[in-house]
Amino acid sequence: MTTLTQLSVFLENKVGALAGACEALAKADVSLVALSIAASSDFGIARLITDDPAKAQEALRTAKFVVQATPVVAIAVPDVPGGMAKVVTTLSAKGCGIEYSYAYAGKDAKAVLVFKFDDLEKAAAVITDSNFETLG
């Protein structure tokens, strides 16, 4: 099973914070593949999948952003009703806890589900045994 490196960027919850992070990536010639933002009243966490995580992390840190790298799993599923249900039902039945998830549009009529698991090794075994297609 393959994992991806997700970057979590801590942003002040103010106008222009996300723009600054995006500008830093653009100047470094890094493309965003997926983005999820969770926010509170004071700060937000932008979770990014990029085409070059090491370069992205360096660019963001140079621009004075706090960045954390985390391994996540991206699973390609048919973009049809029940596609996600099959994956999460299988993982749940085997006791895999999902800390969070988000999705983005993949290629070839597939959706891509990104997961952060509480136990990556356990989830990896279930994903491999279930023949789910992971991306890397």
N, C-alpha and C. Protein backbone atom coordinates (compact mmCIF):
# COMPACT_ATOMS: atom_id res chain seq x y z
N MET A 1 0.84 -1.18 0.00
CA MET A 1 0.00 0.00 0.00
C MET A 1 0.88 1.24 0.00
N THR A 2 0.48 2.23 -0.74
CA THR A 2 1.22 3.47 -0.87
C THR A 2 0.56 4.55 0.00
N THR A 3 1.40 5.40 0.59
CA THR A 3 0.87 6.56 1.31
C THR A 3 1.30 7.82 0.59
N LEU A 4 0.61 8.90 0.89
CA LEU A 4 0.95 10.22 0.39
C LEU A 4 1.37 11.09 1.57
N THR A 5 2.13 12.12 1.30
CA THR A 5 2.48 13.09 2.32
C THR A 5 1.52 14.25 2.24
N GLN A 6 0.77 14.43 3.32
CA GLN A 6 -0.14 15.56 3.43
C GLN A 6 0.56 16.63 4.26
N LEU A 7 0.43 17.87 3.86
CA LEU A 7 0.97 18.98 4.64
C LEU A 7 -0.18 19.69 5.34
N SER A 8 -0.05 19.87 6.65
CA SER A 8 -1.01 20.65 7.41
C SER A 8 -0.37 22.00 7.67
N VAL A 9 -1.04 23.05 7.20
CA VAL A 9 -0.52 24.41 7.32
C VAL A 9 -1.42 25.16 8.29
N PHE A 10 -0.82 25.70 9.34
CA PHE A 10 -1.58 26.43 10.35
C PHE A 10 -1.68 27.89 9.92
N LEU A 11 -2.92 28.38 9.83
CA LEU A 11 -3.19 29.72 9.32
C LEU A 11 -3.98 30.52 10.34
N GLU A 12 -3.63 31.80 10.49
CA GLU A 12 -4.48 32.68 11.27
C GLU A 12 -5.80 32.82 10.54
N ASN A 13 -6.88 32.92 11.28
CA ASN A 13 -8.18 33.09 10.66
C ASN A 13 -8.40 34.58 10.37
N LYS A 14 -7.71 35.03 9.29
CA LYS A 14 -7.83 36.43 8.87
C LYS A 14 -7.74 36.51 7.35
N VAL A 15 -8.24 37.58 6.81
CA VAL A 15 -8.22 37.78 5.37
C VAL A 15 -6.78 37.74 4.86
N GLY A 16 -6.55 36.98 3.83
CA GLY A 16 -5.24 36.93 3.19
C GLY A 16 -4.33 35.81 3.64
N ALA A 17 -4.66 35.12 4.73
CA ALA A 17 -3.78 34.05 5.22
C ALA A 17 -3.65 32.91 4.21
N LEU A 18 -4.76 32.44 3.69
CA LEU A 18 -4.72 31.37 2.70
C LEU A 18 -4.04 31.85 1.42
N ALA A 19 -4.30 33.09 1.04
CA ALA A 19 -3.66 33.64 -0.16
C ALA A 19 -2.14 33.62 -0.03
N GLY A 20 -1.64 33.96 1.16
CA GLY A 20 -0.19 33.94 1.38
C GLY A 20 0.40 32.56 1.21
N ALA A 21 -0.28 31.55 1.71
CA ALA A 21 0.20 30.18 1.55
C ALA A 21 0.17 29.76 0.08
N CYS A 22 -0.91 30.09 -0.60
CA CYS A 22 -1.02 29.74 -2.02
C CYS A 22 0.03 30.46 -2.85
N GLU A 23 0.31 31.70 -2.51
CA GLU A 23 1.35 32.45 -3.23
C GLU A 23 2.72 31.83 -3.02
N ALA A 24 3.01 31.38 -1.80
CA ALA A 24 4.29 30.73 -1.53
C ALA A 24 4.45 29.47 -2.37
N LEU A 25 3.38 28.70 -2.51
CA LEU A 25 3.43 27.49 -3.34
C LEU A 25 3.59 27.84 -4.81
N ALA A 26 2.89 28.86 -5.26
CA ALA A 26 2.98 29.28 -6.67
C ALA A 26 4.40 29.73 -7.01
N LYS A 27 5.00 30.53 -6.12
CA LYS A 27 6.37 31.00 -6.36
C LYS A 27 7.37 29.85 -6.43
N ALA A 28 7.06 28.76 -5.70
CA ALA A 28 7.94 27.59 -5.70
C ALA A 28 7.59 26.61 -6.83
N ASP A 29 6.62 26.98 -7.66
CA ASP A 29 6.17 26.14 -8.78
C ASP A 29 5.64 24.79 -8.30
N VAL A 30 4.85 24.83 -7.23
CA VAL A 30 4.23 23.63 -6.65
C VAL A 30 2.74 23.68 -6.95
N SER A 31 2.19 22.58 -7.42
CA SER A 31 0.77 22.49 -7.73
C SER A 31 0.01 21.81 -6.60
N LEU A 32 -1.17 22.35 -6.29
CA LEU A 32 -2.07 21.71 -5.34
C LEU A 32 -2.85 20.61 -6.04
N VAL A 33 -2.94 19.46 -5.41
CA VAL A 33 -3.74 18.36 -5.93
C VAL A 33 -5.06 18.31 -5.18
N ALA A 34 -5.00 18.52 -3.85
CA ALA A 34 -6.21 18.51 -3.02
C ALA A 34 -6.02 19.48 -1.87
N LEU A 35 -7.15 20.00 -1.39
CA LEU A 35 -7.14 20.97 -0.30
C LEU A 35 -8.37 20.78 0.56
N SER A 36 -8.16 20.81 1.87
CA SER A 36 -9.26 20.79 2.83
C SER A 36 -8.92 21.81 3.91
N ILE A 37 -9.90 22.59 4.33
CA ILE A 37 -9.66 23.59 5.37
C ILE A 37 -10.65 23.39 6.50
N ALA A 38 -10.10 23.34 7.71
CA ALA A 38 -10.93 23.31 8.93
C ALA A 38 -10.59 24.57 9.70
N ALA A 39 -11.59 25.25 10.21
CA ALA A 39 -11.33 26.53 10.86
C ALA A 39 -12.06 26.64 12.19
N SER A 40 -11.47 27.44 13.07
CA SER A 40 -12.13 27.86 14.30
C SER A 40 -12.17 29.38 14.26
N SER A 41 -12.54 30.01 15.36
CA SER A 41 -12.62 31.47 15.34
C SER A 41 -11.26 32.13 15.24
N ASP A 42 -10.20 31.47 15.69
CA ASP A 42 -8.87 32.09 15.72
C ASP A 42 -7.89 31.60 14.66
N PHE A 43 -8.01 30.34 14.27
CA PHE A 43 -7.04 29.80 13.33
C PHE A 43 -7.71 28.73 12.46
N GLY A 44 -6.98 28.35 11.42
CA GLY A 44 -7.44 27.28 10.54
C GLY A 44 -6.30 26.34 10.24
N ILE A 45 -6.66 25.17 9.79
CA ILE A 45 -5.67 24.20 9.33
C ILE A 45 -6.01 23.87 7.89
N ALA A 46 -5.10 24.20 6.99
CA ALA A 46 -5.26 23.82 5.58
C ALA A 46 -4.49 22.52 5.38
N ARG A 47 -5.18 21.50 4.94
CA ARG A 47 -4.54 20.21 4.66
C ARG A 47 -4.36 20.13 3.15
N LEU A 48 -3.11 19.94 2.74
CA LEU A 48 -2.76 19.99 1.32
C LEU A 48 -2.13 18.69 0.84
N ILE A 49 -2.49 18.30 -0.34
CA ILE A 49 -1.75 17.29 -1.10
C ILE A 49 -1.18 18.06 -2.28
N THR A 50 0.13 17.95 -2.51
CA THR A 50 0.77 18.68 -3.60
C THR A 50 1.53 17.72 -4.50
N ASP A 51 1.99 18.25 -5.62
CA ASP A 51 2.78 17.42 -6.53
C ASP A 51 4.23 17.26 -6.07
N ASP A 52 4.66 18.04 -5.08
CA ASP A 52 6.03 17.95 -4.55
C ASP A 52 6.01 18.37 -3.08
N PRO A 53 5.70 17.44 -2.16
CA PRO A 53 5.54 17.81 -0.76
C PRO A 53 6.80 18.39 -0.12
N ALA A 54 7.97 17.89 -0.45
CA ALA A 54 9.20 18.42 0.15
C ALA A 54 9.43 19.87 -0.26
N LYS A 55 9.25 20.15 -1.54
CA LYS A 55 9.41 21.50 -2.05
C LYS A 55 8.35 22.44 -1.46
N ALA A 56 7.13 21.93 -1.34
CA ALA A 56 6.04 22.72 -0.77
C ALA A 56 6.31 23.04 0.69
N GLN A 57 6.77 22.06 1.44
CA GLN A 57 7.07 22.27 2.85
C GLN A 57 8.16 23.31 3.03
N GLU A 58 9.19 23.23 2.23
CA GLU A 58 10.29 24.21 2.29
C GLU A 58 9.78 25.61 1.95
N ALA A 59 8.98 25.73 0.90
CA ALA A 59 8.46 27.04 0.49
C ALA A 59 7.58 27.65 1.57
N LEU A 60 6.73 26.85 2.18
CA LEU A 60 5.83 27.35 3.21
C LEU A 60 6.60 27.77 4.47
N ARG A 61 7.58 26.99 4.85
CA ARG A 61 8.38 27.34 6.03
C ARG A 61 9.19 28.61 5.77
N THR A 62 9.72 28.74 4.57
CA THR A 62 10.46 29.96 4.21
C THR A 62 9.55 31.18 4.30
N ALA A 63 8.27 30.99 3.97
CA ALA A 63 7.30 32.09 4.04
C ALA A 63 6.73 32.25 5.46
N LYS A 64 7.35 31.57 6.42
CA LYS A 64 7.00 31.71 7.86
C LYS A 64 5.69 31.05 8.27
N PHE A 65 5.29 30.01 7.54
CA PHE A 65 4.12 29.23 7.95
C PHE A 65 4.57 28.03 8.77
N VAL A 66 3.75 27.64 9.73
CA VAL A 66 4.00 26.42 10.50
C VAL A 66 3.38 25.27 9.71
N VAL A 67 4.22 24.27 9.41
CA VAL A 67 3.80 23.17 8.54
C VAL A 67 4.15 21.84 9.20
N GLN A 68 3.23 20.89 9.10
CA GLN A 68 3.47 19.55 9.61
C GLN A 68 3.18 18.55 8.50
N ALA A 69 4.08 17.59 8.30
CA ALA A 69 3.88 16.53 7.30
C ALA A 69 3.28 15.31 7.98
N THR A 70 2.30 14.70 7.32
CA THR A 70 1.59 13.54 7.86
C THR A 70 1.35 12.53 6.74
N PRO A 71 1.59 11.24 7.01
CA PRO A 71 1.24 10.24 6.00
C PRO A 71 -0.27 10.01 5.97
N VAL A 72 -0.83 10.01 4.78
CA VAL A 72 -2.25 9.73 4.58
C VAL A 72 -2.38 8.71 3.46
N VAL A 73 -3.56 8.16 3.33
CA VAL A 73 -3.83 7.17 2.29
C VAL A 73 -4.89 7.73 1.36
N ALA A 74 -4.64 7.66 0.08
CA ALA A 74 -5.62 8.08 -0.93
C ALA A 74 -6.12 6.84 -1.65
N ILE A 75 -7.42 6.65 -1.61
CA ILE A 75 -8.03 5.47 -2.22
C ILE A 75 -8.92 5.93 -3.36
N ALA A 76 -8.68 5.37 -4.54
CA ALA A 76 -9.51 5.68 -5.72
C ALA A 76 -10.73 4.75 -5.71
N VAL A 77 -11.90 5.35 -5.88
CA VAL A 77 -13.13 4.56 -5.91
C VAL A 77 -13.97 5.01 -7.08
N PRO A 78 -14.82 4.13 -7.60
CA PRO A 78 -15.73 4.56 -8.66
C PRO A 78 -16.58 5.72 -8.18
N ASP A 79 -16.75 6.72 -9.00
CA ASP A 79 -17.54 7.90 -8.65
C ASP A 79 -19.01 7.61 -8.92
N VAL A 80 -19.56 6.74 -8.07
CA VAL A 80 -20.96 6.33 -8.18
C VAL A 80 -21.55 6.30 -6.77
N PRO A 81 -22.86 6.34 -6.66
CA PRO A 81 -23.47 6.21 -5.34
C PRO A 81 -22.99 4.93 -4.65
N GLY A 82 -22.57 5.06 -3.42
CA GLY A 82 -22.10 3.90 -2.66
C GLY A 82 -20.61 3.65 -2.75
N GLY A 83 -19.88 4.43 -3.57
CA GLY A 83 -18.44 4.22 -3.70
C GLY A 83 -17.72 4.40 -2.38
N MET A 84 -18.00 5.50 -1.70
CA MET A 84 -17.36 5.75 -0.41
C MET A 84 -17.90 4.79 0.65
N ALA A 85 -19.17 4.50 0.59
CA ALA A 85 -19.78 3.61 1.59
C ALA A 85 -19.07 2.27 1.63
N LYS A 86 -18.71 1.72 0.49
CA LYS A 86 -18.03 0.43 0.45
C LYS A 86 -16.70 0.50 1.20
N VAL A 87 -15.95 1.56 0.98
CA VAL A 87 -14.63 1.70 1.62
C VAL A 87 -14.78 1.88 3.12
N VAL A 88 -15.61 2.83 3.55
CA VAL A 88 -15.69 3.10 5.00
C VAL A 88 -16.38 1.97 5.75
N THR A 89 -17.31 1.27 5.12
CA THR A 89 -17.95 0.12 5.76
C THR A 89 -16.94 -1.00 5.97
N THR A 90 -16.12 -1.25 4.96
CA THR A 90 -15.08 -2.28 5.08
C THR A 90 -14.09 -1.93 6.18
N LEU A 91 -13.62 -0.69 6.19
CA LEU A 91 -12.67 -0.27 7.22
C LEU A 91 -13.29 -0.33 8.61
N SER A 92 -14.52 0.12 8.74
CA SER A 92 -15.22 0.11 10.02
C SER A 92 -15.41 -1.31 10.54
N ALA A 93 -15.78 -2.21 9.66
CA ALA A 93 -16.01 -3.61 10.06
C ALA A 93 -14.74 -4.25 10.61
N LYS A 94 -13.59 -3.77 10.19
CA LYS A 94 -12.31 -4.31 10.65
C LYS A 94 -11.72 -3.48 11.79
N GLY A 95 -12.49 -2.52 12.30
CA GLY A 95 -12.06 -1.75 13.46
C GLY A 95 -11.07 -0.64 13.17
N CYS A 96 -11.02 -0.15 11.94
CA CYS A 96 -10.10 0.95 11.59
C CYS A 96 -10.76 2.28 11.89
N GLY A 97 -10.13 3.06 12.76
CA GLY A 97 -10.65 4.38 13.09
C GLY A 97 -10.16 5.43 12.12
N ILE A 98 -11.06 6.23 11.62
CA ILE A 98 -10.73 7.31 10.70
C ILE A 98 -10.70 8.62 11.49
N GLU A 99 -9.54 9.27 11.54
CA GLU A 99 -9.44 10.55 12.24
C GLU A 99 -10.11 11.65 11.44
N TYR A 100 -9.90 11.67 10.13
CA TYR A 100 -10.59 12.59 9.25
C TYR A 100 -10.43 12.11 7.82
N SER A 101 -11.25 12.67 6.95
CA SER A 101 -11.22 12.31 5.54
C SER A 101 -11.70 13.49 4.71
N TYR A 102 -11.25 13.54 3.47
CA TYR A 102 -11.76 14.50 2.49
C TYR A 102 -11.60 13.86 1.12
N ALA A 103 -12.20 14.45 0.13
CA ALA A 103 -12.19 13.84 -1.20
C ALA A 103 -11.85 14.87 -2.26
N TYR A 104 -11.42 14.37 -3.40
CA TYR A 104 -11.23 15.22 -4.57
C TYR A 104 -11.52 14.41 -5.82
N ALA A 105 -11.74 15.10 -6.93
CA ALA A 105 -12.07 14.44 -8.19
C ALA A 105 -10.81 13.84 -8.80
N GLY A 106 -10.89 12.56 -9.09
CA GLY A 106 -9.76 11.88 -9.72
C GLY A 106 -9.97 11.80 -11.22
N LYS A 107 -9.23 10.90 -11.83
CA LYS A 107 -9.33 10.71 -13.28
C LYS A 107 -10.11 9.43 -13.57
N ASP A 108 -10.50 9.26 -14.80
CA ASP A 108 -11.17 8.05 -15.25
C ASP A 108 -12.44 7.74 -14.45
N ALA A 109 -13.26 8.74 -14.20
CA ALA A 109 -14.54 8.59 -13.50
C ALA A 109 -14.37 8.00 -12.11
N LYS A 110 -13.29 8.39 -11.44
CA LYS A 110 -13.08 7.92 -10.08
C LYS A 110 -12.98 9.12 -9.14
N ALA A 111 -13.43 8.91 -7.94
CA ALA A 111 -13.24 9.88 -6.87
C ALA A 111 -12.04 9.40 -6.05
N VAL A 112 -11.37 10.31 -5.39
CA VAL A 112 -10.25 9.95 -4.54
C VAL A 112 -10.59 10.36 -3.12
N LEU A 113 -10.53 9.39 -2.21
CA LEU A 113 -10.81 9.62 -0.80
C LEU A 113 -9.50 9.62 -0.05
N VAL A 114 -9.23 10.67 0.70
CA VAL A 114 -8.00 10.79 1.48
C VAL A 114 -8.36 10.53 2.94
N PHE A 115 -7.60 9.64 3.60
CA PHE A 115 -7.88 9.27 4.97
C PHE A 115 -6.65 9.44 5.86
N LYS A 116 -6.88 9.93 7.07
CA LYS A 116 -5.90 9.90 8.14
C LYS A 116 -6.45 8.91 9.15
N PHE A 117 -5.71 7.84 9.40
CA PHE A 117 -6.16 6.77 10.29
C PHE A 117 -5.50 6.87 11.66
N ASP A 118 -6.19 6.36 12.68
CA ASP A 118 -5.58 6.33 14.00
C ASP A 118 -4.52 5.23 14.09
N ASP A 119 -4.61 4.22 13.24
CA ASP A 119 -3.62 3.14 13.21
C ASP A 119 -3.34 2.81 11.74
N LEU A 120 -2.30 3.43 11.19
CA LEU A 120 -2.00 3.30 9.76
C LEU A 120 -1.67 1.86 9.37
N GLU A 121 -0.93 1.14 10.20
CA GLU A 121 -0.57 -0.24 9.87
C GLU A 121 -1.80 -1.14 9.78
N LYS A 122 -2.71 -0.99 10.72
CA LYS A 122 -3.93 -1.79 10.70
C LYS A 122 -4.76 -1.47 9.45
N ALA A 123 -4.91 -0.18 9.16
CA ALA A 123 -5.67 0.23 7.98
C ALA A 123 -5.00 -0.28 6.70
N ALA A 124 -3.68 -0.23 6.66
CA ALA A 124 -2.94 -0.70 5.48
C ALA A 124 -3.24 -2.17 5.20
N ALA A 125 -3.28 -2.97 6.25
CA ALA A 125 -3.57 -4.40 6.07
C ALA A 125 -4.98 -4.60 5.52
N VAL A 126 -5.95 -3.86 6.04
CA VAL A 126 -7.33 -3.98 5.56
C VAL A 126 -7.44 -3.51 4.12
N ILE A 127 -6.80 -2.40 3.80
CA ILE A 127 -6.84 -1.85 2.43
C ILE A 127 -6.22 -2.83 1.45
N THR A 128 -5.09 -3.40 1.81
CA THR A 128 -4.41 -4.37 0.94
C THR A 128 -5.27 -5.63 0.77
N ASP A 129 -5.80 -6.16 1.88
CA ASP A 129 -6.63 -7.36 1.82
C ASP A 129 -7.90 -7.13 1.02
N SER A 130 -8.40 -5.90 1.02
CA SER A 130 -9.65 -5.58 0.31
C SER A 130 -9.41 -5.18 -1.15
N ASN A 131 -8.15 -5.15 -1.55
CA ASN A 131 -7.78 -4.78 -2.93
C ASN A 131 -8.26 -3.40 -3.34
N PHE A 132 -8.28 -2.46 -2.38
CA PHE A 132 -8.61 -1.09 -2.72
C PHE A 132 -7.41 -0.48 -3.43
N GLU A 133 -7.68 0.34 -4.42
CA GLU A 133 -6.63 0.99 -5.21
C GLU A 133 -6.14 2.25 -4.50
N THR A 134 -4.87 2.22 -4.06
CA THR A 134 -4.30 3.41 -3.43
C THR A 134 -3.43 4.17 -4.44
N LEU A 135 -3.33 5.46 -4.22
CA LEU A 135 -2.57 6.31 -5.12
C LEU A 135 -1.31 6.79 -4.41
N GLY A 136 -0.28 7.06 -5.16
CA GLY A 136 0.96 7.54 -4.57
C GLY A 136 1.72 8.41 -5.53
